[in-house]
Amino acid sequence: MLLEARVHPARLAEFRRWYAEEHVPRVLAIPGIVEHRALRWGPSPRRDAPNVMSLFLFESAEVIQQALGSREARRARRDWERWAADVRDLTVQVYANLDARTIARHLN
């Protein structure tokens, strides 16, 4: 699962502390999420580029639905409410491997 956000620069240091100390441990408590990696962009000429990026790894593709529907996941999503005024362009993308049979079944 890839998370990207653009946090107001004046609040970025505070956000990063909160994110590392409170939010990431809460996300890692979600059953099925087994690892976190913080990602960083180098300097970007684009003002709209994300300044926060994280990668969360699931145990397997089979646990994704259950993990994202869990009580722990709902709690982690509520964490973001306190940052609503300072976060722009928040995106969460979930990637999973699909085999050709799975794709064909959904297309037909």
C-alpha atoms as a PDB file:
ATOM      1  CA  MET A   1       0.000   0.000   0.000  1.00  0.00           C
ATOM      2  CA  LEU A   2       1.507   3.315  -1.071  1.00  0.00           C
ATOM      3  CA  LEU A   3       0.553   6.502   0.767  1.00  0.00           C
ATOM      4  CA  GLU A   4       1.408   9.955  -0.589  1.00  0.00           C
ATOM      5  CA  ALA A   5       0.473  13.321   0.882  1.00  0.00           C
ATOM      6  CA  ARG A   6       1.397  16.956   0.636  1.00  0.00           C
ATOM      7  CA  VAL A   7       1.599  18.447   4.128  1.00  0.00           C
ATOM      8  CA  HIS A   8       1.753  22.199   4.683  1.00  0.00           C
ATOM      9  CA  PRO A   9       5.490  23.012   5.021  1.00  0.00           C
ATOM     10  CA  ALA A  10       4.992  24.944   8.267  1.00  0.00           C
ATOM     11  CA  ARG A  11       3.564  21.802   9.922  1.00  0.00           C
ATOM     12  CA  LEU A  12       5.751  19.201   8.196  1.00  0.00           C
ATOM     13  CA  ALA A  13       8.226  18.586  11.050  1.00  0.00           C
ATOM     14  CA  GLU A  14       5.399  18.187  13.577  1.00  0.00           C
ATOM     15  CA  PHE A  15       3.508  15.938  11.173  1.00  0.00           C
ATOM     16  CA  ARG A  16       6.524  13.710  10.581  1.00  0.00           C
ATOM     17  CA  ARG A  17       7.030  13.268  14.353  1.00  0.00           C
ATOM     18  CA  TRP A  18       3.367  12.352  14.837  1.00  0.00           C
ATOM     19  CA  TYR A  19       3.425  10.061  11.820  1.00  0.00           C
ATOM     20  CA  ALA A  20       6.526   8.140  12.940  1.00  0.00           C
ATOM     21  CA  GLU A  21       5.750   7.978  16.657  1.00  0.00           C
ATOM     22  CA  GLU A  22       1.971   7.489  16.653  1.00  0.00           C
ATOM     23  CA  HIS A  23       0.474   6.705  13.273  1.00  0.00           C
ATOM     24  CA  VAL A  24       2.929   4.165  11.856  1.00  0.00           C
ATOM     25  CA  PRO A  25       2.800   1.984  15.006  1.00  0.00           C
ATOM     26  CA  ARG A  26      -1.003   2.126  14.819  1.00  0.00           C
ATOM     27  CA  VAL A  27      -0.951   1.020  11.167  1.00  0.00           C
ATOM     28  CA  LEU A  28       1.505  -1.772  11.954  1.00  0.00           C
ATOM     29  CA  ALA A  29      -1.034  -3.039  14.523  1.00  0.00           C
ATOM     30  CA  ILE A  30      -3.470  -3.755  11.663  1.00  0.00           C
ATOM     31  CA  PRO A  31      -3.623  -7.544  11.256  1.00  0.00           C
ATOM     32  CA  GLY A  32      -1.933  -8.449   7.976  1.00  0.00           C
ATOM     33  CA  ILE A  33       0.345  -5.407   7.661  1.00  0.00           C
ATOM     34  CA  VAL A  34       3.872  -6.587   8.336  1.00  0.00           C
ATOM     35  CA  GLU A  35       6.265  -3.806   7.368  1.00  0.00           C
ATOM     36  CA  HIS A  36       6.625  -0.056   6.836  1.00  0.00           C
ATOM     37  CA  ARG A  37       9.112   1.854   4.740  1.00  0.00           C
ATOM     38  CA  ALA A  38       9.360   5.637   4.733  1.00  0.00           C
ATOM     39  CA  LEU A  39      10.152   6.994   1.286  1.00  0.00           C
ATOM     40  CA  ARG A  40      11.588  10.412   0.472  1.00  0.00           C
ATOM     41  CA  TRP A  41      11.636  12.445  -2.701  1.00  0.00           C
ATOM     42  CA  GLY A  42      14.690  14.492  -3.438  1.00  0.00           C
ATOM     43  CA  PRO A  43      14.173  18.214  -4.020  1.00  0.00           C
ATOM     44  CA  SER A  44      11.388  18.744  -6.517  1.00  0.00           C
ATOM     45  CA  PRO A  45      10.735  21.802  -8.658  1.00  0.00           C
ATOM     46  CA  ARG A  46       7.005  20.980  -8.489  1.00  0.00           C
ATOM     47  CA  ARG A  47       5.181  22.746  -5.670  1.00  0.00           C
ATOM     48  CA  ASP A  48       2.440  20.107  -5.743  1.00  0.00           C
ATOM     49  CA  ALA A  49       4.789  17.128  -5.256  1.00  0.00           C
ATOM     50  CA  PRO A  50       4.117  14.947  -2.204  1.00  0.00           C
ATOM     51  CA  ASN A  51       6.413  15.579   0.756  1.00  0.00           C
ATOM     52  CA  VAL A  52       5.299  12.474   2.669  1.00  0.00           C
ATOM     53  CA  MET A  53       5.464   8.973   1.189  1.00  0.00           C
ATOM     54  CA  SER A  54       5.195   5.591   2.875  1.00  0.00           C
ATOM     55  CA  LEU A  55       5.020   2.013   1.780  1.00  0.00           C
ATOM     56  CA  PHE A  56       3.190  -0.553   3.912  1.00  0.00           C
ATOM     57  CA  LEU A  57       3.570  -4.231   3.056  1.00  0.00           C
ATOM     58  CA  PHE A  58       0.858  -6.812   3.577  1.00  0.00           C
ATOM     59  CA  GLU A  59       1.514 -10.391   4.621  1.00  0.00           C
ATOM     60  CA  SER A  60      -0.159 -11.528   1.381  1.00  0.00           C
ATOM     61  CA  ALA A  61      -2.720 -10.350  -1.161  1.00  0.00           C
ATOM     62  CA  GLU A  62      -5.313 -12.558   0.508  1.00  0.00           C
ATOM     63  CA  VAL A  63      -5.354 -10.492   3.726  1.00  0.00           C
ATOM     64  CA  ILE A  64      -5.787  -7.028   2.153  1.00  0.00           C
ATOM     65  CA  GLN A  65      -9.611  -6.834   2.297  1.00  0.00           C
ATOM     66  CA  GLN A  66      -9.803  -8.081   5.864  1.00  0.00           C
ATOM     67  CA  ALA A  67      -6.944  -5.838   7.011  1.00  0.00           C
ATOM     68  CA  LEU A  68      -8.437  -2.680   5.525  1.00  0.00           C
ATOM     69  CA  GLY A  69     -11.843  -3.477   7.021  1.00  0.00           C
ATOM     70  CA  SER A  70     -10.499  -4.136  10.513  1.00  0.00           C
ATOM     71  CA  ARG A  71     -11.177  -2.118  13.654  1.00  0.00           C
ATOM     72  CA  GLU A  72      -7.480  -1.204  13.761  1.00  0.00           C
ATOM     73  CA  ALA A  73      -7.641   0.168  10.205  1.00  0.00           C
ATOM     74  CA  ARG A  74     -10.681   2.309  11.028  1.00  0.00           C
ATOM     75  CA  ARG A  75      -8.813   3.740  14.013  1.00  0.00           C
ATOM     76  CA  ALA A  76      -5.745   4.492  11.876  1.00  0.00           C
ATOM     77  CA  ARG A  77      -7.912   6.295   9.301  1.00  0.00           C
ATOM     78  CA  ARG A  78      -9.467   8.458  12.034  1.00  0.00           C
ATOM     79  CA  ASP A  79      -5.951   9.622  13.005  1.00  0.00           C
ATOM     80  CA  TRP A  80      -5.893  11.798   9.902  1.00  0.00           C
ATOM     81  CA  GLU A  81      -8.801  13.973  11.052  1.00  0.00           C
ATOM     82  CA  ARG A  82      -6.528  16.176  13.168  1.00  0.00           C
ATOM     83  CA  TRP A  83      -4.461  16.981  10.060  1.00  0.00           C
ATOM     84  CA  ALA A  84      -7.347  17.733   7.692  1.00  0.00           C
ATOM     85  CA  ALA A  85      -6.519  21.448   7.430  1.00  0.00           C
ATOM     86  CA  ASP A  86      -2.819  20.822   6.753  1.00  0.00           C
ATOM     87  CA  VAL A  87      -2.820  17.870   4.340  1.00  0.00           C
ATOM     88  CA  ARG A  88      -3.519  18.152   0.633  1.00  0.00           C
ATOM     89  CA  ASP A  89      -3.575  15.533  -2.092  1.00  0.00           C
ATOM     90  CA  LEU A  90      -3.679  12.505   0.194  1.00  0.00           C
ATOM     91  CA  THR A  91      -3.715   9.313  -1.861  1.00  0.00           C
ATOM     92  CA  VAL A  92      -3.614   5.694  -0.787  1.00  0.00           C
ATOM     93  CA  GLN A  93      -3.019   3.080  -3.463  1.00  0.00           C
ATOM     94  CA  VAL A  94      -3.147  -0.662  -2.904  1.00  0.00           C
ATOM     95  CA  TYR A  95      -1.207  -2.902  -5.246  1.00  0.00           C
ATOM     96  CA  ALA A  96      -1.519  -6.672  -5.501  1.00  0.00           C
ATOM     97  CA  ASN A  97      -0.307  -9.251  -7.977  1.00  0.00           C
ATOM     98  CA  LEU A  98      -2.999 -10.620 -10.254  1.00  0.00           C
ATOM     99  CA  ASP A  99      -2.664 -13.607 -12.500  1.00  0.00           C
ATOM    100  CA  ALA A 100      -4.166 -13.692 -15.985  1.00  0.00           C
ATOM    101  CA  ARG A 101      -7.071 -15.964 -14.900  1.00  0.00           C
ATOM    102  CA  THR A 102      -8.168 -13.469 -12.240  1.00  0.00           C
ATOM    103  CA  ILE A 103      -8.093 -10.565 -14.688  1.00  0.00           C
ATOM    104  CA  ALA A 104      -9.957 -12.513 -17.395  1.00  0.00           C
ATOM    105  CA  ARG A 105     -12.656 -13.576 -14.912  1.00  0.00           C
ATOM    106  CA  HIS A 106     -13.363  -9.934 -14.003  1.00  0.00           C
ATOM    107  CA  LEU A 107     -13.309  -8.718 -17.585  1.00  0.00           C
ATOM    108  CA  ASN A 108     -15.698 -11.367 -18.945  1.00  0.00           C
END
